[in-house]
């Protein structure tokens, strides 16, 4: 028995933008959203670093440890599993 292939074609009419333009816009919006998340993440880390560190001296090493603790507490700002951030 010969196996048949099924195809699905979608036709859309766009009066304004081409599919390429729509994709470029969506990719730009994704880039902007990721940048916003990154900025907010950095602000949150700096806020945690600025808090008094009980029992820790005010040294570079203590500040670095505080930054790492803040990153661990906040987790990753990205939720995708891809290594390069692409979907």
PDB file of N, CA and C in Angstrom:
ATOM      1  N   UNK A   1       0.844  -1.180   0.000  1.00  0.00           N
ATOM      2  CA  UNK A   1       0.000   0.000   0.000  1.00  0.00           C
ATOM      3  C   UNK A   1       0.888   1.241   0.000  1.00  0.00           C
ATOM      4  N   UNK A   2       0.583   2.160  -0.870  1.00  0.00           N
ATOM      5  CA  UNK A   2       1.361   3.386  -0.983  1.00  0.00           C
ATOM      6  C   UNK A   2       0.864   4.424   0.024  1.00  0.00           C
ATOM      7  N   UNK A   3       1.804   5.043   0.706  1.00  0.00           N
ATOM      8  CA  UNK A   3       1.454   6.046   1.714  1.00  0.00           C
ATOM      9  C   UNK A   3       1.269   7.401   1.042  1.00  0.00           C
ATOM     10  N   UNK A   4       0.190   8.054   1.376  1.00  0.00           N
ATOM     11  CA  UNK A   4      -0.095   9.372   0.810  1.00  0.00           C
ATOM     12  C   UNK A   4       0.355  10.460   1.767  1.00  0.00           C
ATOM     13  N   UNK A   5       0.829  11.542   1.220  1.00  0.00           N
ATOM     14  CA  UNK A   5       1.230  12.692   2.009  1.00  0.00           C
ATOM     15  C   UNK A   5       0.097  13.703   2.027  1.00  0.00           C
ATOM     16  N   UNK A   6      -0.083  14.300   3.164  1.00  0.00           N
ATOM     17  CA  UNK A   6      -1.102  15.342   3.292  1.00  0.00           C
ATOM     18  C   UNK A   6      -0.406  16.685   3.361  1.00  0.00           C
ATOM     19  N   UNK A   7      -0.977  17.666   2.721  1.00  0.00           N
ATOM     20  CA  UNK A   7      -0.426  19.010   2.718  1.00  0.00           C
ATOM     21  C   UNK A   7      -1.483  19.981   3.195  1.00  0.00           C
ATOM     22  N   UNK A   8      -1.024  20.993   3.877  1.00  0.00           N
ATOM     23  CA  UNK A   8      -1.912  22.040   4.338  1.00  0.00           C
ATOM     24  C   UNK A   8      -1.369  23.361   3.816  1.00  0.00           C
ATOM     25  N   UNK A   9      -2.173  24.060   3.058  1.00  0.00           N
ATOM     26  CA  UNK A   9      -1.794  25.366   2.529  1.00  0.00           C
ATOM     27  C   UNK A   9      -2.706  26.416   3.136  1.00  0.00           C
ATOM     28  N   UNK A  10      -2.112  27.502   3.537  1.00  0.00           N
ATOM     29  CA  UNK A  10      -2.879  28.596   4.111  1.00  0.00           C
ATOM     30  C   UNK A  10      -2.654  29.833   3.261  1.00  0.00           C
ATOM     31  N   UNK A  11      -3.721  30.436   2.848  1.00  0.00           N
ATOM     32  CA  UNK A  11      -3.637  31.666   2.075  1.00  0.00           C
ATOM     33  C   UNK A  11      -4.252  32.790   2.893  1.00  0.00           C
ATOM     34  N   UNK A  12      -3.524  33.875   2.987  1.00  0.00           N
ATOM     35  CA  UNK A  12      -4.011  35.030   3.718  1.00  0.00           C
ATOM     36  C   UNK A  12      -3.818  36.262   2.854  1.00  0.00           C
ATOM     37  N   UNK A  13      -4.736  37.143   2.949  1.00  0.00           N
ATOM     38  CA  UNK A  13      -4.609  38.397   2.228  1.00  0.00           C
ATOM     39  C   UNK A  13      -4.277  39.488   3.240  1.00  0.00           C
ATOM     40  N   UNK A  14      -3.212  40.199   2.950  1.00  0.00           N
ATOM     41  CA  UNK A  14      -2.780  41.271   3.829  1.00  0.00           C
ATOM     42  C   UNK A  14      -2.749  42.560   3.021  1.00  0.00           C
ATOM     43  N   UNK A  15      -3.526  43.509   3.465  1.00  0.00           N
ATOM     44  CA  UNK A  15      -3.589  44.771   2.744  1.00  0.00           C
ATOM     45  C   UNK A  15      -2.417  45.679   3.089  1.00  0.00           C
ATOM     46  N   UNK A  16      -1.773  45.440   4.243  1.00  0.00           N
ATOM     47  CA  UNK A  16      -0.747  46.359   4.707  1.00  0.00           C
ATOM     48  C   UNK A  16       0.667  45.771   4.648  1.00  0.00           C
ATOM     49  N   UNK A  17       0.909  44.712   5.402  1.00  0.00           N
ATOM     50  CA  UNK A  17       2.261  44.209   5.547  1.00  0.00           C
ATOM     51  C   UNK A  17       2.410  42.813   4.959  1.00  0.00           C
ATOM     52  N   UNK A  18       3.609  42.529   4.473  1.00  0.00           N
ATOM     53  CA  UNK A  18       3.906  41.203   3.959  1.00  0.00           C
ATOM     54  C   UNK A  18       4.199  40.277   5.143  1.00  0.00           C
ATOM     55  N   UNK A  19       4.152  38.961   4.936  1.00  0.00           N
ATOM     56  CA  UNK A  19       4.506  38.039   6.018  1.00  0.00           C
ATOM     57  C   UNK A  19       5.921  38.299   6.553  1.00  0.00           C
ATOM     58  N   UNK A  20       6.840  38.640   5.672  1.00  0.00           N
ATOM     59  CA  UNK A  20       8.201  38.941   6.109  1.00  0.00           C
ATOM     60  C   UNK A  20       8.216  40.162   7.035  1.00  0.00           C
ATOM     61  N   UNK A  21       7.498  41.200   6.675  1.00  0.00           N
ATOM     62  CA  UNK A  21       7.431  42.402   7.512  1.00  0.00           C
ATOM     63  C   UNK A  21       6.802  42.094   8.867  1.00  0.00           C
ATOM     64  N   UNK A  22       5.758  41.271   8.877  1.00  0.00           N
ATOM     65  CA  UNK A  22       5.124  40.886  10.138  1.00  0.00           C
ATOM     66  C   UNK A  22       6.087  40.084  11.013  1.00  0.00           C
ATOM     67  N   UNK A  23       6.832  39.175  10.397  1.00  0.00           N
ATOM     68  CA  UNK A  23       7.807  38.394  11.167  1.00  0.00           C
ATOM     69  C   UNK A  23       8.908  39.294  11.718  1.00  0.00           C
ATOM     70  N   UNK A  24       9.404  40.208  10.914  1.00  0.00           N
ATOM     71  CA  UNK A  24      10.453  41.122  11.368  1.00  0.00           C
ATOM     72  C   UNK A  24       9.950  41.962  12.545  1.00  0.00           C
ATOM     73  N   UNK A  25       8.697  42.403  12.475  1.00  0.00           N
ATOM     74  CA  UNK A  25       8.115  43.182  13.569  1.00  0.00           C
ATOM     75  C   UNK A  25       8.025  42.328  14.840  1.00  0.00           C
ATOM     76  N   UNK A  26       7.575  41.084  14.692  1.00  0.00           N
ATOM     77  CA  UNK A  26       7.454  40.190  15.847  1.00  0.00           C
ATOM     78  C   UNK A  26       8.822  39.902  16.464  1.00  0.00           C
ATOM     79  N   UNK A  27       9.840  39.688  15.626  1.00  0.00           N
ATOM     80  CA  UNK A  27      11.178  39.441  16.144  1.00  0.00           C
ATOM     81  C   UNK A  27      11.720  40.674  16.869  1.00  0.00           C
ATOM     82  N   UNK A  28      11.440  41.859  16.355  1.00  0.00           N
ATOM     83  CA  UNK A  28      11.877  43.097  17.009  1.00  0.00           C
ATOM     84  C   UNK A  28      11.195  43.252  18.374  1.00  0.00           C
ATOM     85  N   UNK A  29       9.887  42.955  18.423  1.00  0.00           N
ATOM     86  CA  UNK A  29       9.159  43.040  19.688  1.00  0.00           C
ATOM     87  C   UNK A  29       9.712  42.039  20.703  1.00  0.00           C
ATOM     88  N   UNK A  30      10.086  40.836  20.244  1.00  0.00           N
ATOM     89  CA  UNK A  30      10.669  39.833  21.131  1.00  0.00           C
ATOM     90  C   UNK A  30      12.008  40.321  21.674  1.00  0.00           C
ATOM     91  N   UNK A  31      12.824  40.883  20.809  1.00  0.00           N
ATOM     92  CA  UNK A  31      14.119  41.417  21.242  1.00  0.00           C
ATOM     93  C   UNK A  31      13.937  42.519  22.279  1.00  0.00           C
ATOM     94  N   UNK A  32      12.987  43.415  22.043  1.00  0.00           N
ATOM     95  CA  UNK A  32      12.719  44.508  22.987  1.00  0.00           C
ATOM     96  C   UNK A  32      12.207  43.970  24.325  1.00  0.00           C
ATOM     97  N   UNK A  33      11.339  42.952  24.271  1.00  0.00           N
ATOM     98  CA  UNK A  33      10.806  42.368  25.509  1.00  0.00           C
ATOM     99  C   UNK A  33      11.921  41.705  26.312  1.00  0.00           C
ATOM    100  N   UNK A  34      12.812  40.982  25.636  1.00  0.00           N
ATOM    101  CA  UNK A  34      13.927  40.346  26.337  1.00  0.00           C
ATOM    102  C   UNK A  34      14.861  41.388  26.942  1.00  0.00           C
ATOM    103  N   UNK A  35      15.085  42.484  26.226  1.00  0.00           N
ATOM    104  CA  UNK A  35      15.939  43.553  26.755  1.00  0.00           C
ATOM    105  C   UNK A  35      15.308  44.176  27.999  1.00  0.00           C
ATOM    106  N   UNK A  36      13.994  44.359  27.976  1.00  0.00           N
ATOM    107  CA  UNK A  36      13.298  44.922  29.138  1.00  0.00           C
ATOM    108  C   UNK A  36      13.413  43.982  30.336  1.00  0.00           C
ATOM    109  N   UNK A  37      13.226  42.699  30.102  1.00  0.00           N
ATOM    110  CA  UNK A  37      13.347  41.716  31.180  1.00  0.00           C
ATOM    111  C   UNK A  37      14.758  41.742  31.743  1.00  0.00           C
ATOM    112  N   UNK A  38      15.747  41.819  30.866  1.00  0.00           N
ATOM    113  CA  UNK A  38      17.139  41.850  31.309  1.00  0.00           C
ATOM    114  C   UNK A  38      17.409  43.086  32.160  1.00  0.00           C
ATOM    115  N   UNK A  39      16.929  44.251  31.715  1.00  0.00           N
ATOM    116  CA  UNK A  39      17.131  45.486  32.494  1.00  0.00           C
ATOM    117  C   UNK A  39      16.493  45.375  33.872  1.00  0.00           C
ATOM    118  N   UNK A  40      15.262  44.849  33.932  1.00  0.00           N
ATOM    119  CA  UNK A  40      14.573  44.703  35.214  1.00  0.00           C
ATOM    120  C   UNK A  40      15.299  43.699  36.117  1.00  0.00           C
ATOM    121  N   UNK A  41      15.845  42.655  35.521  1.00  0.00           N
ATOM    122  CA  UNK A  41      16.594  41.652  36.267  1.00  0.00           C
ATOM    123  C   UNK A  41      17.839  42.286  36.884  1.00  0.00           C
ATOM    124  N   UNK A  42      18.565  43.078  36.095  1.00  0.00           N
ATOM    125  CA  UNK A  42      19.770  43.740  36.587  1.00  0.00           C
ATOM    126  C   UNK A  42      19.433  44.715  37.711  1.00  0.00           C
ATOM    127  N   UNK A  43      18.347  45.463  37.564  1.00  0.00           N
ATOM    128  CA  UNK A  43      17.929  46.398  38.614  1.00  0.00           C
ATOM    129  C   UNK A  43      17.618  45.637  39.903  1.00  0.00           C
ATOM    130  N   UNK A  44      16.945  44.501  39.773  1.00  0.00           N
ATOM    131  CA  UNK A  44      16.610  43.706  40.961  1.00  0.00           C
ATOM    132  C   UNK A  44      17.868  43.175  41.634  1.00  0.00           C
ATOM    133  N   UNK A  45      18.852  42.764  40.839  1.00  0.00           N
ATOM    134  CA  UNK A  45      20.107  42.274  41.420  1.00  0.00           C
ATOM    135  C   UNK A  45      20.823  43.399  42.155  1.00  0.00           C
ATOM    136  N   UNK A  46      20.913  44.580  41.510  1.00  0.00           N
ATOM    137  CA  UNK A  46      21.577  45.702  42.174  1.00  0.00           C
ATOM    138  C   UNK A  46      20.856  46.104  43.465  1.00  0.00           C
ATOM    139  N   UNK A  47      19.543  45.994  43.478  1.00  0.00           N
ATOM    140  CA  UNK A  47      18.799  46.312  44.704  1.00  0.00           C
ATOM    141  C   UNK A  47      19.164  45.335  45.810  1.00  0.00           C
ATOM    142  N   UNK A  48      19.304  44.053  45.464  1.00  0.00           N
ATOM    143  CA  UNK A  48      19.677  43.060  46.471  1.00  0.00           C
ATOM    144  C   UNK A  48      21.114  43.249  46.940  1.00  0.00           C
ATOM    145  N   UNK A  49      21.993  43.619  46.005  1.00  0.00           N
ATOM    146  CA  UNK A  49      23.388  43.843  46.377  1.00  0.00           C
ATOM    147  C   UNK A  49      23.492  45.034  47.325  1.00  0.00           C
ATOM    148  N   UNK A  50      22.661  46.039  47.114  1.00  0.00           N
ATOM    149  CA  UNK A  50      22.705  47.244  47.932  1.00  0.00           C
ATOM    150  C   UNK A  50      22.201  47.060  49.346  1.00  0.00           C
ATOM    151  N   UNK A  51      21.529  45.957  49.611  1.00  0.00           N
ATOM    152  CA  UNK A  51      21.033  45.710  50.959  1.00  0.00           C
ATOM    153  C   UNK A  51      22.205  45.384  51.890  1.00  0.00           C
ATOM    154  N   UNK A  52      22.084  45.749  53.152  1.00  0.00           N
ATOM    155  CA  UNK A  52      23.164  45.441  54.101  1.00  0.00           C
ATOM    156  C   UNK A  52      23.409  43.931  54.169  1.00  0.00           C
ATOM    157  N   UNK A  53      24.685  43.568  54.177  1.00  0.00           N
ATOM    158  CA  UNK A  53      25.061  42.163  54.247  1.00  0.00           C
ATOM    159  C   UNK A  53      25.486  41.849  55.676  1.00  0.00           C
ATOM    160  N   UNK A  54      24.599  41.255  56.409  1.00  0.00           N
ATOM    161  CA  UNK A  54      24.872  40.959  57.819  1.00  0.00           C
ATOM    162  C   UNK A  54      26.049  40.005  57.933  1.00  0.00           C
ATOM    163  N   UNK A  55      27.030  40.412  58.710  1.00  0.00           N
ATOM    164  CA  UNK A  55      28.165  39.542  58.966  1.00  0.00           C
ATOM    165  C   UNK A  55      29.197  39.486  57.866  1.00  0.00           C
ATOM    166  N   UNK A  56      28.985  40.204  56.765  1.00  0.00           N
ATOM    167  CA  UNK A  56      29.963  40.181  55.678  1.00  0.00           C
ATOM    168  C   UNK A  56      30.678  41.527  55.612  1.00  0.00           C
ATOM    169  N   UNK A  57      31.979  41.491  55.431  1.00  0.00           N
ATOM    170  CA  UNK A  57      32.717  42.751  55.295  1.00  0.00           C
ATOM    171  C   UNK A  57      32.395  43.412  53.959  1.00  0.00           C
ATOM    172  N   UNK A  58      32.681  44.689  53.852  1.00  0.00           N
ATOM    173  CA  UNK A  58      32.405  45.430  52.621  1.00  0.00           C
ATOM    174  C   UNK A  58      33.626  45.343  51.708  1.00  0.00           C
ATOM    175  N   UNK A  59      33.815  44.152  51.115  1.00  0.00           N
ATOM    176  CA  UNK A  59      34.945  43.924  50.218  1.00  0.00           C
ATOM    177  C   UNK A  59      34.425  43.529  48.845  1.00  0.00           C
ATOM    178  N   UNK A  60      35.334  43.517  47.873  1.00  0.00           N
ATOM    179  CA  UNK A  60      34.966  43.097  46.514  1.00  0.00           C
ATOM    180  C   UNK A  60      34.427  41.671  46.527  1.00  0.00           C
ATOM    181  N   UNK A  61      35.118  40.799  47.248  1.00  0.00           N
ATOM    182  CA  UNK A  61      34.712  39.396  47.306  1.00  0.00           C
ATOM    183  C   UNK A  61      33.323  39.250  47.928  1.00  0.00           C
ATOM    184  N   UNK A  62      33.059  39.996  49.001  1.00  0.00           N
ATOM    185  CA  UNK A  62      31.747  39.934  49.640  1.00  0.00           C
ATOM    186  C   UNK A  62      30.670  40.461  48.697  1.00  0.00           C
ATOM    187  N   UNK A  63      30.976  41.517  47.960  1.00  0.00           N
ATOM    188  CA  UNK A  63      30.019  42.044  46.989  1.00  0.00           C
ATOM    189  C   UNK A  63      29.728  41.057  45.878  1.00  0.00           C
ATOM    190  N   UNK A  64      30.783  40.371  45.408  1.00  0.00           N
ATOM    191  CA  UNK A  64      30.606  39.361  44.372  1.00  0.00           C
ATOM    192  C   UNK A  64      29.746  38.211  44.881  1.00  0.00           C
ATOM    193  N   UNK A  65      29.992  37.782  46.106  1.00  0.00           N
ATOM    194  CA  UNK A  65      29.174  36.716  46.694  1.00  0.00           C
ATOM    195  C   UNK A  65      27.718  37.168  46.840  1.00  0.00           C
ATOM    196  N   UNK A  66      27.515  38.432  47.207  1.00  0.00           N
ATOM    197  CA  UNK A  66      26.151  38.957  47.319  1.00  0.00           C
ATOM    198  C   UNK A  66      25.463  38.963  45.953  1.00  0.00           C
ATOM    199  N   UNK A  67      26.211  39.317  44.916  1.00  0.00           N
ATOM    200  CA  UNK A  67      25.641  39.316  43.556  1.00  0.00           C
ATOM    201  C   UNK A  67      25.246  37.906  43.146  1.00  0.00           C
ATOM    202  N   UNK A  68      26.113  36.940  43.412  1.00  0.00           N
ATOM    203  CA  UNK A  68      25.790  35.551  43.072  1.00  0.00           C
ATOM    204  C   UNK A  68      24.593  35.046  43.878  1.00  0.00           C
ATOM    205  N   UNK A  69      24.527  35.416  45.146  1.00  0.00           N
ATOM    206  CA  UNK A  69      23.364  35.040  45.966  1.00  0.00           C
ATOM    207  C   UNK A  69      22.084  35.634  45.384  1.00  0.00           C
ATOM    208  N   UNK A  70      22.166  36.889  44.935  1.00  0.00           N
ATOM    209  CA  UNK A  70      20.986  37.546  44.361  1.00  0.00           C
ATOM    210  C   UNK A  70      20.538  36.844  43.090  1.00  0.00           C
ATOM    211  N   UNK A  71      21.492  36.455  42.241  1.00  0.00           N
ATOM    212  CA  UNK A  71      21.143  35.748  41.003  1.00  0.00           C
ATOM    213  C   UNK A  71      20.492  34.415  41.336  1.00  0.00           C
ATOM    214  N   UNK A  72      21.037  33.714  42.310  1.00  0.00           N
ATOM    215  CA  UNK A  72      20.446  32.425  42.704  1.00  0.00           C
ATOM    216  C   UNK A  72      19.021  32.603  43.234  1.00  0.00           C
ATOM    217  N   UNK A  73      18.799  33.668  44.018  1.00  0.00           N
ATOM    218  CA  UNK A  73      17.475  33.915  44.589  1.00  0.00           C
ATOM    219  C   UNK A  73      16.463  34.281  43.512  1.00  0.00           C
ATOM    220  N   UNK A  74      16.894  35.075  42.537  1.00  0.00           N
ATOM    221  CA  UNK A  74      15.968  35.537  41.499  1.00  0.00           C
ATOM    222  C   UNK A  74      15.760  34.516  40.394  1.00  0.00           C
ATOM    223  N   UNK A  75      16.705  33.628  40.192  1.00  0.00           N
ATOM    224  CA  UNK A  75      16.604  32.671  39.102  1.00  0.00           C
ATOM    225  C   UNK A  75      16.916  33.343  37.779  1.00  0.00           C
ATOM    226  N   UNK A  76      16.662  32.637  36.702  1.00  0.00           N
ATOM    227  CA  UNK A  76      16.959  33.150  35.362  1.00  0.00           C
ATOM    228  C   UNK A  76      15.805  33.998  34.843  1.00  0.00           C
ATOM    229  N   UNK A  77      16.112  35.114  34.149  1.00  0.00           N
ATOM    230  CA  UNK A  77      15.037  35.928  33.604  1.00  0.00           C
ATOM    231  C   UNK A  77      14.418  35.320  32.355  1.00  0.00           C
ATOM    232  N   UNK A  78      15.058  34.289  31.811  1.00  0.00           N
ATOM    233  CA  UNK A  78      14.565  33.671  30.587  1.00  0.00           C
ATOM    234  C   UNK A  78      13.972  32.311  30.901  1.00  0.00           C
ATOM    235  N   UNK A  79      12.923  31.957  30.182  1.00  0.00           N
ATOM    236  CA  UNK A  79      12.259  30.688  30.464  1.00  0.00           C
ATOM    237  C   UNK A  79      12.487  29.656  29.381  1.00  0.00           C
ATOM    238  N   UNK A  80      13.054  30.062  28.235  1.00  0.00           N
ATOM    239  CA  UNK A  80      13.255  29.072  27.183  1.00  0.00           C
ATOM    240  C   UNK A  80      14.486  28.234  27.489  1.00  0.00           C
ATOM    241  N   UNK A  81      14.544  27.015  26.918  1.00  0.00           N
ATOM    242  CA  UNK A  81      15.630  26.098  27.179  1.00  0.00           C
ATOM    243  C   UNK A  81      16.719  26.149  26.119  1.00  0.00           C
ATOM    244  N   UNK A  82      16.534  26.948  25.087  1.00  0.00           N
ATOM    245  CA  UNK A  82      17.519  26.964  24.025  1.00  0.00           C
ATOM    246  C   UNK A  82      18.757  27.730  24.469  1.00  0.00           C
ATOM    247  N   UNK A  83      19.946  27.234  24.118  1.00  0.00           N
ATOM    248  CA  UNK A  83      21.175  27.839  24.609  1.00  0.00           C
ATOM    249  C   UNK A  83      21.451  29.223  24.046  1.00  0.00           C
ATOM    250  N   UNK A  84      21.002  29.513  22.842  1.00  0.00           N
ATOM    251  CA  UNK A  84      21.281  30.820  22.256  1.00  0.00           C
ATOM    252  C   UNK A  84      20.129  31.791  22.370  1.00  0.00           C
ATOM    253  N   UNK A  85      19.077  31.400  23.071  1.00  0.00           N
ATOM    254  CA  UNK A  85      17.941  32.292  23.260  1.00  0.00           C
ATOM    255  C   UNK A  85      16.968  32.317  22.102  1.00  0.00           C
ATOM    256  N   UNK A  86      17.242  31.538  21.055  1.00  0.00           N
ATOM    257  CA  UNK A  86      16.346  31.489  19.912  1.00  0.00           C
ATOM    258  C   UNK A  86      15.231  30.491  20.149  1.00  0.00           C
ATOM    259  N   UNK A  87      14.102  30.745  19.583  1.00  0.00           N
ATOM    260  CA  UNK A  87      12.955  29.845  19.726  1.00  0.00           C
ATOM    261  C   UNK A  87      12.881  28.873  18.575  1.00  0.00           C
TER     262      UNK A  87
END
